C-alpha atoms as a PDB file:
ATOM      1  CA  MET A   1      -0.293   0.056  -0.048  1.00  0.00           C
ATOM      2  CA  ASP A   2       1.360   1.304   1.034  1.00  0.00           C
ATOM      3  CA  SER A   3       1.876   2.588   3.258  1.00  0.00           C
ATOM      4  CA  LEU A   4       2.077   5.235   5.875  1.00  0.00           C
ATOM      5  CA  SER A   5       5.695   4.704   5.526  1.00  0.00           C
ATOM      6  CA  SER A   6       7.706   7.783   3.648  1.00  0.00           C
ATOM      7  CA  GLY A   7      10.820   8.648   2.507  1.00  0.00           C
ATOM      8  CA  LEU A   8      12.816  11.324   1.237  1.00  0.00           C
ATOM      9  CA  ALA A   9      13.182  11.234  -2.573  1.00  0.00           C
ATOM     10  CA  CYS A  10      15.883  13.340  -3.548  1.00  0.00           C
ATOM     11  CA  PRO A  11      17.639  13.360  -6.569  1.00  0.00           C
ATOM     12  CA  GLN A  12      21.072  10.125  -6.258  1.00  0.00           C
ATOM     13  CA  ASP A  13      17.629   8.229  -5.627  1.00  0.00           C
ATOM     14  CA  PHE A  14      15.721   9.425  -9.367  1.00  0.00           C
ATOM     15  CA  SER A  15      19.345   9.326 -11.341  1.00  0.00           C
ATOM     16  CA  ASP A  16      19.216   5.722 -13.266  1.00  0.00           C
ATOM     17  CA  ARG A  17      15.567   6.671 -14.346  1.00  0.00           C
ATOM     18  CA  ARG A  18      17.487  10.023 -15.847  1.00  0.00           C
ATOM     19  CA  LYS A  19      18.052   8.243 -19.056  1.00  0.00           C
ATOM     20  CA  GLY A  20      15.076   7.619 -21.517  1.00  0.00           C
ATOM     21  CA  LEU A  21      12.504  10.188 -19.598  1.00  0.00           C
ATOM     22  CA  THR A  22      10.474  12.256 -22.290  1.00  0.00           C
ATOM     23  CA  ALA A  23       9.017  16.153 -20.664  1.00  0.00           C
ATOM     24  CA  PRO A  24       6.034  16.233 -19.022  1.00  0.00           C
ATOM     25  CA  HIS A  25       3.335  17.742 -21.324  1.00  0.00           C
ATOM     26  CA  ARG A  26       1.601  20.499 -20.493  1.00  0.00           C
ATOM     27  CA  THR A  27      -1.036  20.443 -18.130  1.00  0.00           C
ATOM     28  CA  GLN A  28      -4.725  22.611 -16.485  1.00  0.00           C
ATOM     29  CA  MET A  29      -4.907  19.584 -13.896  1.00  0.00           C
ATOM     30  CA  HIS A  30      -5.397  20.285 -10.746  1.00  0.00           C
ATOM     31  CA  GLU A  31      -2.268  18.746  -8.457  1.00  0.00           C
ATOM     32  CA  PRO A  32      -2.940  18.098  -5.183  1.00  0.00           C
ATOM     33  CA  SER A  33       1.022  16.152  -5.216  1.00  0.00           C
ATOM     34  CA  LYS A  34       3.044  18.811  -6.898  1.00  0.00           C
ATOM     35  CA  PRO A  35       5.133  20.663  -4.668  1.00  0.00           C
ATOM     36  CA  GLN A  36       5.253  24.541  -4.549  1.00  0.00           C
ATOM     37  CA  GLN A  37       9.064  24.956  -4.980  1.00  0.00           C
ATOM     38  CA  GLY A  38      11.839  26.853  -7.240  1.00  0.00           C
ATOM     39  CA  PRO A  39      12.109  26.968 -10.198  1.00  0.00           C
ATOM     40  CA  VAL A  40      15.273  24.050  -9.988  1.00  0.00           C
ATOM     41  CA  ALA A  41      13.378  22.242  -7.674  1.00  0.00           C
ATOM     42  CA  ARG A  42      10.455  22.329  -9.633  1.00  0.00           C
ATOM     43  CA  MET A  43      12.310  21.395 -13.309  1.00  0.00           C
ATOM     44  CA  LEU A  44      13.945  18.307 -11.808  1.00  0.00           C
ATOM     45  CA  LEU A  45      11.002  17.310 -10.834  1.00  0.00           C
ATOM     46  CA  GLN A  46       9.452  17.054 -13.390  1.00  0.00           C
ATOM     47  CA  TRP A  47      13.059  15.710 -15.403  1.00  0.00           C
ATOM     48  CA  LEU A  48      13.322  12.573 -12.941  1.00  0.00           C
ATOM     49  CA  MET A  49      10.201  11.670 -12.102  1.00  0.00           C
ATOM     50  CA  ARG A  50       7.033  10.204 -14.158  1.00  0.00           C
ATOM     51  CA  PRO A  51       3.321  11.818 -14.915  1.00  0.00           C
ATOM     52  CA  ALA A  52       0.043  10.337 -14.236  1.00  0.00           C
ATOM     53  CA  SER A  53      -3.737  11.230 -13.675  1.00  0.00           C
ATOM     54  CA  ILE A  54      -5.644   9.865 -11.219  1.00  0.00           C
ATOM     55  CA  ALA A  55      -8.126   7.918 -12.811  1.00  0.00           C
ATOM     56  CA  ALA A  56     -10.404   6.940 -10.222  1.00  0.00           C
ATOM     57  CA  VAL A  57     -10.211   6.981  -5.923  1.00  0.00           C
ATOM     58  CA  GLU A  58     -12.620   4.932  -3.780  1.00  0.00           C
ATOM     59  CA  THR A  59     -13.202   5.675  -0.219  1.00  0.00           C
ATOM     60  CA  LEU A  60     -12.942   2.609   1.448  1.00  0.00           C
ATOM     61  CA  SER A  61     -13.647   3.470   5.002  1.00  0.00           C
ATOM     62  CA  PRO A  62     -12.562   6.951   7.302  1.00  0.00           C
ATOM     63  CA  HIS A  63      -8.537   5.743   6.827  1.00  0.00           C
ATOM     64  CA  PHE A  64      -8.195   4.337   3.398  1.00  0.00           C
ATOM     65  CA  ARG A  65      -9.062   5.414  -0.201  1.00  0.00           C
ATOM     66  CA  SER A  66      -8.337   2.707  -3.466  1.00  0.00           C
ATOM     67  CA  ILE A  67      -6.599   4.888  -5.573  1.00  0.00           C
ATOM     68  CA  VAL A  68      -5.871   3.922  -9.724  1.00  0.00           C
ATOM     69  CA  LEU A  69      -3.748   5.824 -11.808  1.00  0.00           C
ATOM     70  CA  GLU A  70      -2.894   5.847 -15.016  1.00  0.00           C
ATOM     71  CA  GLY A  71      -0.952   7.241 -17.926  1.00  0.00           C
ATOM     72  CA  ASP A  72       1.588   6.023 -20.951  1.00  0.00           C
ATOM     73  CA  ALA A  73       4.475   6.333 -18.383  1.00  0.00           C
ATOM     74  CA  LEU A  74       3.146   4.020 -16.573  1.00  0.00           C
ATOM     75  CA  LYS A  75       2.704   1.132 -19.884  1.00  0.00           C
ATOM     76  CA  GLY A  76       5.822  -1.009 -20.328  1.00  0.00           C
ATOM     77  CA  LEU A  77       7.353  -0.794 -16.837  1.00  0.00           C
ATOM     78  CA  ALA A  78       8.911  -4.093 -15.297  1.00  0.00           C
ATOM     79  CA  TRP A  79       6.875  -4.159 -12.022  1.00  0.00           C
ATOM     80  CA  THR A  80       6.467  -7.451  -9.893  1.00  0.00           C
ATOM     81  CA  MET A  81       4.732  -8.512  -6.475  1.00  0.00           C
ATOM     82  CA  GLY A  82       6.589  -6.224  -3.260  1.00  0.00           C
ATOM     83  CA  GLN A  83       8.039  -3.225  -5.991  1.00  0.00           C
ATOM     84  CA  LYS A  84       7.437   0.283  -4.375  1.00  0.00           C
ATOM     85  CA  ILE A  85       6.861   3.915  -6.330  1.00  0.00           C
ATOM     86  CA  GLN A  86       7.826   7.075  -4.934  1.00  0.00           C
ATOM     87  CA  ILE A  87       5.065   9.844  -5.356  1.00  0.00           C
ATOM     88  CA  ALA A  88       6.500  13.298  -4.731  1.00  0.00           C
ATOM     89  CA  MET A  89       4.105  15.858  -2.225  1.00  0.00           C
ATOM     90  CA  GLY A  90       4.904  18.642   0.147  1.00  0.00           C
ATOM     91  CA  SER A  91       8.389  20.513  -0.461  1.00  0.00           C
ATOM     92  CA  GLY A  92      11.587  20.253  -2.602  1.00  0.00           C
ATOM     93  CA  LEU A  93      11.383  16.282  -3.770  1.00  0.00           C
ATOM     94  CA  SER A  94       9.981  15.100  -0.725  1.00  0.00           C
ATOM     95  CA  ALA A  95       7.864  11.735  -1.087  1.00  0.00           C
ATOM     96  CA  ARG A  96       5.769   9.220   0.248  1.00  0.00           C
ATOM     97  CA  THR A  97       6.214   5.697  -0.989  1.00  0.00           C
ATOM     98  CA  TYR A  98       3.260   3.286  -1.800  1.00  0.00           C
ATOM     99  CA  THR A  99       3.146  -0.326  -2.817  1.00  0.00           C
ATOM    100  CA  PRO A 100       0.844  -1.414  -6.148  1.00  0.00           C
ATOM    101  CA  MET A 101      -1.915  -3.634  -5.550  1.00  0.00           C
ATOM    102  CA  SER A 102      -1.499  -3.961  -9.625  1.00  0.00           C
ATOM    103  CA  TRP A 103      -0.440  -2.993 -12.220  1.00  0.00           C
ATOM    104  CA  ASP A 104      -1.797  -3.400 -16.218  1.00  0.00           C
ATOM    105  CA  THR A 105       1.387  -2.279 -18.245  1.00  0.00           C
ATOM    106  CA  GLU A 106      -0.211  -2.539 -21.422  1.00  0.00           C
ATOM    107  CA  LYS A 107      -3.184  -0.191 -19.986  1.00  0.00           C
ATOM    108  CA  GLY A 108      -0.893   1.669 -17.807  1.00  0.00           C
ATOM    109  CA  ARG A 109      -2.599   1.722 -14.379  1.00  0.00           C
ATOM    110  CA  THR A 110      -1.453   0.822 -11.648  1.00  0.00           C
ATOM    111  CA  LYS A 111      -3.932   0.928  -8.320  1.00  0.00           C
ATOM    112  CA  LEU A 112      -3.030   1.477  -4.583  1.00  0.00           C
ATOM    113  CA  LEU A 113      -4.274   1.437  -1.357  1.00  0.00           C
ATOM    114  CA  ALA A 114      -3.450   4.535   1.141  1.00  0.00           C
ATOM    115  CA  PHE A 115      -3.609   4.667   4.244  1.00  0.00           C
ATOM    116  CA  ALA A 116      -4.475   8.273   6.008  1.00  0.00           C
ATOM    117  CA  HIS A 117      -3.642   8.221   9.661  1.00  0.00           C
ATOM    118  CA  GLY A 118      -2.698  11.014  10.930  1.00  0.00           C
ATOM    119  CA  ASP A 119      -1.510  14.954   9.430  1.00  0.00           C
ATOM    120  CA  GLY A 120       1.092  14.429   7.177  1.00  0.00           C
ATOM    121  CA  PRO A 121       1.666  15.146   3.733  1.00  0.00           C
ATOM    122  CA  GLY A 122       0.859  11.260   2.518  1.00  0.00           C
ATOM    123  CA  SER A 123      -2.569  11.952   4.528  1.00  0.00           C
ATOM    124  CA  ARG A 124      -3.188  15.157   3.006  1.00  0.00           C
ATOM    125  CA  TRP A 125      -2.971  14.371  -0.528  1.00  0.00           C
ATOM    126  CA  ALA A 126      -4.242  11.242  -0.252  1.00  0.00           C
ATOM    127  CA  SER A 127      -7.326  12.929   1.549  1.00  0.00           C
ATOM    128  CA  GLY A 128      -7.650  15.346  -1.012  1.00  0.00           C
ATOM    129  CA  LEU A 129      -7.036  13.486  -4.240  1.00  0.00           C
ATOM    130  CA  ARG A 130      -9.826  13.952  -6.816  1.00  0.00           C
ATOM    131  CA  GLU A 131     -10.611  12.184 -10.396  1.00  0.00           C
ATOM    132  CA  GLY A 132      -8.751  13.756 -12.856  1.00  0.00           C
ATOM    133  CA  ASP A 133      -6.149  15.272  -9.509  1.00  0.00           C
ATOM    134  CA  LEU A 134      -2.285  14.800 -12.124  1.00  0.00           C
ATOM    135  CA  CYS A 135       1.037  13.409  -9.335  1.00  0.00           C
ATOM    136  CA  TRP A 136       4.376  12.852  -9.931  1.00  0.00           C
ATOM    137  CA  PHE A 137       6.057   9.448  -9.001  1.00  0.00           C
ATOM    138  CA  PHE A 138       9.542   7.976  -9.570  1.00  0.00           C
ATOM    139  CA  GLY A 139       9.715   3.815  -9.504  1.00  0.00           C
ATOM    140  CA  PRO A 140       8.896   0.995  -9.504  1.00  0.00           C
ATOM    141  CA  ARG A 141      11.829   0.243  -7.731  1.00  0.00           C
ATOM    142  CA  ARG A 142      12.791  -2.486  -5.827  1.00  0.00           C
ATOM    143  CA  SER A 143      11.402  -2.569  -2.017  1.00  0.00           C
ATOM    144  CA  LEU A 144      10.523  -6.719  -0.807  1.00  0.00           C
ATOM    145  CA  ASP A 145      12.444  -9.263  -2.868  1.00  0.00           C
ATOM    146  CA  LEU A 146       9.689 -12.346  -2.528  1.00  0.00           C
ATOM    147  CA  SER A 147      11.127 -13.744  -5.539  1.00  0.00           C
ATOM    148  CA  ALA A 148      12.538 -16.782  -3.383  1.00  0.00           C
ATOM    149  CA  ALA A 149       9.382 -17.943  -1.416  1.00  0.00           C
ATOM    150  CA  LYS A 150       7.720 -20.768  -1.460  1.00  0.00           C
ATOM    151  CA  ALA A 151       4.049 -21.707  -0.537  1.00  0.00           C
ATOM    152  CA  PRO A 152       2.271 -22.460   1.990  1.00  0.00           C
ATOM    153  CA  ILE A 153       3.230 -18.409   2.660  1.00  0.00           C
ATOM    154  CA  ILE A 154       2.345 -16.407   6.088  1.00  0.00           C
ATOM    155  CA  LEU A 155       1.982 -12.683   5.478  1.00  0.00           C
ATOM    156  CA  PHE A 156       2.194 -11.244   8.975  1.00  0.00           C
ATOM    157  CA  GLY A 157       1.905  -7.166   8.644  1.00  0.00           C
ATOM    158  CA  ASP A 158      -0.494  -4.220   9.756  1.00  0.00           C
ATOM    159  CA  GLU A 159      -2.521  -1.396   8.269  1.00  0.00           C
ATOM    160  CA  THR A 160       0.588  -0.179   5.759  1.00  0.00           C
ATOM    161  CA  SER A 161       0.667  -3.776   4.913  1.00  0.00           C
ATOM    162  CA  PHE A 162      -2.701  -3.907   3.039  1.00  0.00           C
ATOM    163  CA  GLY A 163      -1.612  -3.022  -0.399  1.00  0.00           C
ATOM    164  CA  ILE A 164       1.018  -6.425  -0.557  1.00  0.00           C
ATOM    165  CA  ALA A 165      -1.254  -8.475   1.046  1.00  0.00           C
ATOM    166  CA  SER A 166      -3.513  -7.799  -1.871  1.00  0.00           C
ATOM    167  CA  ALA A 167      -1.163  -8.226  -4.440  1.00  0.00           C
ATOM    168  CA  PHE A 168      -0.252 -11.732  -3.582  1.00  0.00           C
ATOM    169  CA  ARG A 169      -3.813 -11.932  -4.240  1.00  0.00           C
ATOM    170  CA  GLY A 170      -2.534 -12.308  -8.738  1.00  0.00           C
ATOM    171  CA  SER A 171       0.276 -13.684  -7.800  1.00  0.00           C
ATOM    172  CA  ARG A 172       1.155 -17.529  -8.095  1.00  0.00           C
ATOM    173  CA  LEU A 173       1.475 -17.821  -4.430  1.00  0.00           C
ATOM    174  CA  ALA A 174      -2.225 -16.707  -3.883  1.00  0.00           C
ATOM    175  CA  ASP A 175      -4.134 -20.049  -3.057  1.00  0.00           C
ATOM    176  CA  ASP A 176      -1.292 -20.552  -0.187  1.00  0.00           C
ATOM    177  CA  THR A 177      -0.933 -17.206   1.255  1.00  0.00           C
ATOM    178  CA  THR A 178      -2.181 -17.316   4.666  1.00  0.00           C
ATOM    179  CA  TYR A 179      -2.408 -13.486   6.318  1.00  0.00           C
ATOM    180  CA  MET A 180      -2.713 -12.132   9.505  1.00  0.00           C
ATOM    181  CA  PHE A 181      -2.834  -8.429  10.438  1.00  0.00           C
ATOM    182  CA  GLU A 182      -2.626  -5.843  13.985  1.00  0.00           C
ATOM    183  CA  VAL A 183      -4.860  -3.139  13.936  1.00  0.00           C
ATOM    184  CA  SER A 184      -5.909  -0.398  15.328  1.00  0.00           C
ATOM    185  CA  ASP A 185      -9.725  -0.379  14.846  1.00  0.00           C
ATOM    186  CA  ALA A 186     -10.929  -4.196  13.438  1.00  0.00           C
ATOM    187  CA  ALA A 187     -14.146  -2.782  12.890  1.00  0.00           C
ATOM    188  CA  GLU A 188     -12.809   0.135  10.637  1.00  0.00           C
ATOM    189  CA  THR A 189     -10.194  -2.056   9.106  1.00  0.00           C
ATOM    190  CA  ASN A 190     -12.571  -5.544   8.541  1.00  0.00           C
ATOM    191  CA  PRO A 191     -14.384  -3.974   5.648  1.00  0.00           C
ATOM    192  CA  VAL A 192     -11.543  -2.818   3.674  1.00  0.00           C
ATOM    193  CA  LEU A 193      -9.850  -6.168   3.887  1.00  0.00           C
ATOM    194  CA  ALA A 194     -12.525  -7.644   2.521  1.00  0.00           C
ATOM    195  CA  ALA A 195     -12.961  -5.168   0.123  1.00  0.00           C
ATOM    196  CA  ILE A 196      -9.366  -5.725  -1.528  1.00  0.00           C
ATOM    197  CA  GLY A 197     -10.311  -9.251  -1.508  1.00  0.00           C
ATOM    198  CA  LEU A 198      -9.404 -10.575   2.165  1.00  0.00           C
ATOM    199  CA  GLY A 199     -11.851 -10.870   3.887  1.00  0.00           C
ATOM    200  CA  ARG A 200     -10.325 -14.253   5.247  1.00  0.00           C
ATOM    201  CA  ALA A 201      -7.815 -12.505   6.492  1.00  0.00           C
ATOM    202  CA  THR A 202      -7.083 -12.771  10.658  1.00  0.00           C
ATOM    203  CA  SER A 203      -7.291  -9.311  12.487  1.00  0.00           C
ATOM    204  CA  ILE A 204      -5.404  -8.658  15.931  1.00  0.00           C
ATOM    205  CA  VAL A 205      -6.700  -5.887  17.999  1.00  0.00           C
ATOM    206  CA  ARG A 206      -3.415  -4.030  19.050  1.00  0.00           C
ATOM    207  CA  SER A 207      -3.063  -3.981  22.822  1.00  0.00           C
ATOM    208  CA  ALA A 208      -1.356  -1.888  25.199  1.00  0.00           C
ATOM    209  CA  GLU A 209       2.476  -2.209  25.666  1.00  0.00           C
ATOM    210  CA  ASP A 210       2.473  -4.336  22.704  1.00  0.00           C
ATOM    211  CA  ALA A 211       0.843  -7.771  24.312  1.00  0.00           C
ATOM    212  CA  HIS A 212      -0.928  -8.449  22.006  1.00  0.00           C
ATOM    213  CA  LEU A 213       2.113  -9.726  19.203  1.00  0.00           C
ATOM    214  CA  ALA A 214       1.514 -12.879  22.245  1.00  0.00           C
ATOM    215  CA  ALA A 215      -0.921 -14.338  20.592  1.00  0.00           C
ATOM    216  CA  VAL A 216       0.632 -13.783  17.349  1.00  0.00           C
ATOM    217  CA  GLU A 217       3.800 -15.736  18.340  1.00  0.00           C
ATOM    218  CA  ALA A 218       1.738 -18.393  18.907  1.00  0.00           C
ATOM    219  CA  GLU A 219       0.097 -18.870  15.779  1.00  0.00           C
ATOM    220  CA  LEU A 220       2.651 -18.480  13.330  1.00  0.00           C
ATOM    221  CA  LEU A 221       4.624 -20.619  15.817  1.00  0.00           C
ATOM    222  CA  ARG A 222       2.181 -23.505  15.494  1.00  0.00           C
ATOM    223  CA  LEU A 223       2.443 -23.334  11.932  1.00  0.00           C
ATOM    224  CA  ALA A 224       6.402 -23.075  12.196  1.00  0.00           C
ATOM    225  CA  ALA A 225       7.314 -26.655  10.103  1.00  0.00           C
ATOM    226  CA  SER A 226       7.095 -25.808   6.552  1.00  0.00           C
ATOM    227  CA  ALA A 227       5.701 -22.052   5.595  1.00  0.00           C
ATOM    228  CA  HIS A 228       7.714 -18.904   4.593  1.00  0.00           C
ATOM    229  CA  PHE A 229       7.338 -15.995   6.681  1.00  0.00           C
ATOM    230  CA  VAL A 230       6.809 -12.360   4.862  1.00  0.00           C
ATOM    231  CA  LEU A 231       6.992  -9.719   7.964  1.00  0.00           C
ATOM    232  CA  THR A 232       5.860  -6.693   7.313  1.00  0.00           C
ATOM    233  CA  GLY A 233       4.178  -3.497   8.976  1.00  0.00           C
ATOM    234  CA  LYS A 234       6.075  -1.503  12.018  1.00  0.00           C
ATOM    235  CA  ALA A 235       9.518  -2.596  12.626  1.00  0.00           C
ATOM    236  CA  SER A 236       9.222  -3.346  16.238  1.00  0.00           C
ATOM    237  CA  SER A 237       7.196  -5.994  15.293  1.00  0.00           C
ATOM    238  CA  ILE A 238       8.671  -7.422  13.069  1.00  0.00           C
ATOM    239  CA  GLN A 239      11.737  -7.423  14.714  1.00  0.00           C
ATOM    240  CA  ARG A 240       9.608  -9.238  17.668  1.00  0.00           C
ATOM    241  CA  ILE A 241       8.569 -11.734  15.463  1.00  0.00           C
ATOM    242  CA  GLY A 242      11.604 -12.870  13.717  1.00  0.00           C
ATOM    243  CA  ARG A 243      13.349 -13.097  16.997  1.00  0.00           C
ATOM    244  CA  ALA A 244      10.518 -15.236  17.675  1.00  0.00           C
ATOM    245  CA  LEU A 245      11.217 -17.789  14.645  1.00  0.00           C
ATOM    246  CA  ARG A 246      15.184 -18.096  14.945  1.00  0.00           C
ATOM    247  CA  ALA A 247      14.002 -18.913  18.419  1.00  0.00           C
ATOM    248  CA  ALA A 248      12.037 -22.119  17.271  1.00  0.00           C
ATOM    249  CA  ASN A 249      14.710 -22.685  14.702  1.00  0.00           C
ATOM    250  CA  VAL A 250      13.563 -21.410  11.789  1.00  0.00           C
ATOM    251  CA  ALA A 251      16.151 -20.331   9.376  1.00  0.00           C
ATOM    252  CA  ARG A 252      16.707 -17.126   7.847  1.00  0.00           C
ATOM    253  CA  SER A 253      16.207 -18.216   4.581  1.00  0.00           C
ATOM    254  CA  ARG A 254      12.511 -18.584   4.722  1.00  0.00           C
ATOM    255  CA  MET A 255      12.025 -15.270   6.408  1.00  0.00           C
ATOM    256  CA  SER A 256      11.355 -12.031   3.377  1.00  0.00           C
ATOM    257  CA  ALA A 257      11.007  -8.735   5.913  1.00  0.00           C
ATOM    258  CA  LYS A 258       9.661  -5.058   5.302  1.00  0.00           C
ATOM    259  CA  ALA A 259       9.453  -2.425   7.799  1.00  0.00           C
ATOM    260  CA  TYR A 260       7.052   0.342   6.217  1.00  0.00           C
ATOM    261  CA  TRP A 261       7.248   2.494   9.409  1.00  0.00           C
ATOM    262  CA  ALA A 262       8.975   3.114  13.264  1.00  0.00           C
ATOM    263  CA  PRO A 263       7.165   5.492  15.642  1.00  0.00           C
ATOM    264  CA  GLY A 264       8.644   8.945  15.397  1.00  0.00           C
ATOM    265  CA  LYS A 265      10.944   8.159  11.970  1.00  0.00           C
ATOM    266  CA  THR A 266      10.384   8.396   7.933  1.00  0.00           C
ATOM    267  CA  GLY A 267      12.487   7.525   5.062  1.00  0.00           C
ATOM    268  CA  LEU A 268      12.055   3.344   6.419  1.00  0.00           C
ATOM    269  CA  ASP A 269      11.267   2.753   2.833  1.00  0.00           C
END
């Protein structure tokens, strides 16, 4: 999804995409994610990033919005499940990171799930989107490498992991993947999960001092004999569950991990 995780996109991040980019056409569309910046930063944004329009926006809950981007710049790109894109917003070349749920390279369309939590740039961008808006993106780029993952899969995460979980539904691993999420409000997230095809996922509500993770560990250890574990979401939760799995002799080769966020930190992905 996307995701709540945030990343600063600096000019060095974009250098490998400079060749072959076409300068975007002038447009009169509303551009909520396009920063107000000086001429140099604006030139870099238009030269190093790709334009896309918002083809559809659907509000799934107070904090979740399904977003479809489309445009010629999305066509023909090599995207694989687990990769990310970064969308420009705020000032300078600041960006927020999202994990696409799907990508149609022929039609030039990709679908994201935005989790608008708090009052940061990503939340303001997602909450203010309208169909027809223009945005600027960079990617896709490597984020979570799932090339070695073998069924059965156990995917653990949180609200920021719904996007990558949904991407599994269109993969070779779809029929043999189990999903488990720690969430703050199951009454809100369960309908969202159902709307993106993950109605059978298990949701465990967060409790004080992460006491709920004991139940997560117990369930994952019950399945530890043969599964490949994909651990995503909050950094401290990933660390704790990873320690429990290693203590149960689960080989590192059977674990893939990607932290999307940590309290008080930005730029994890």
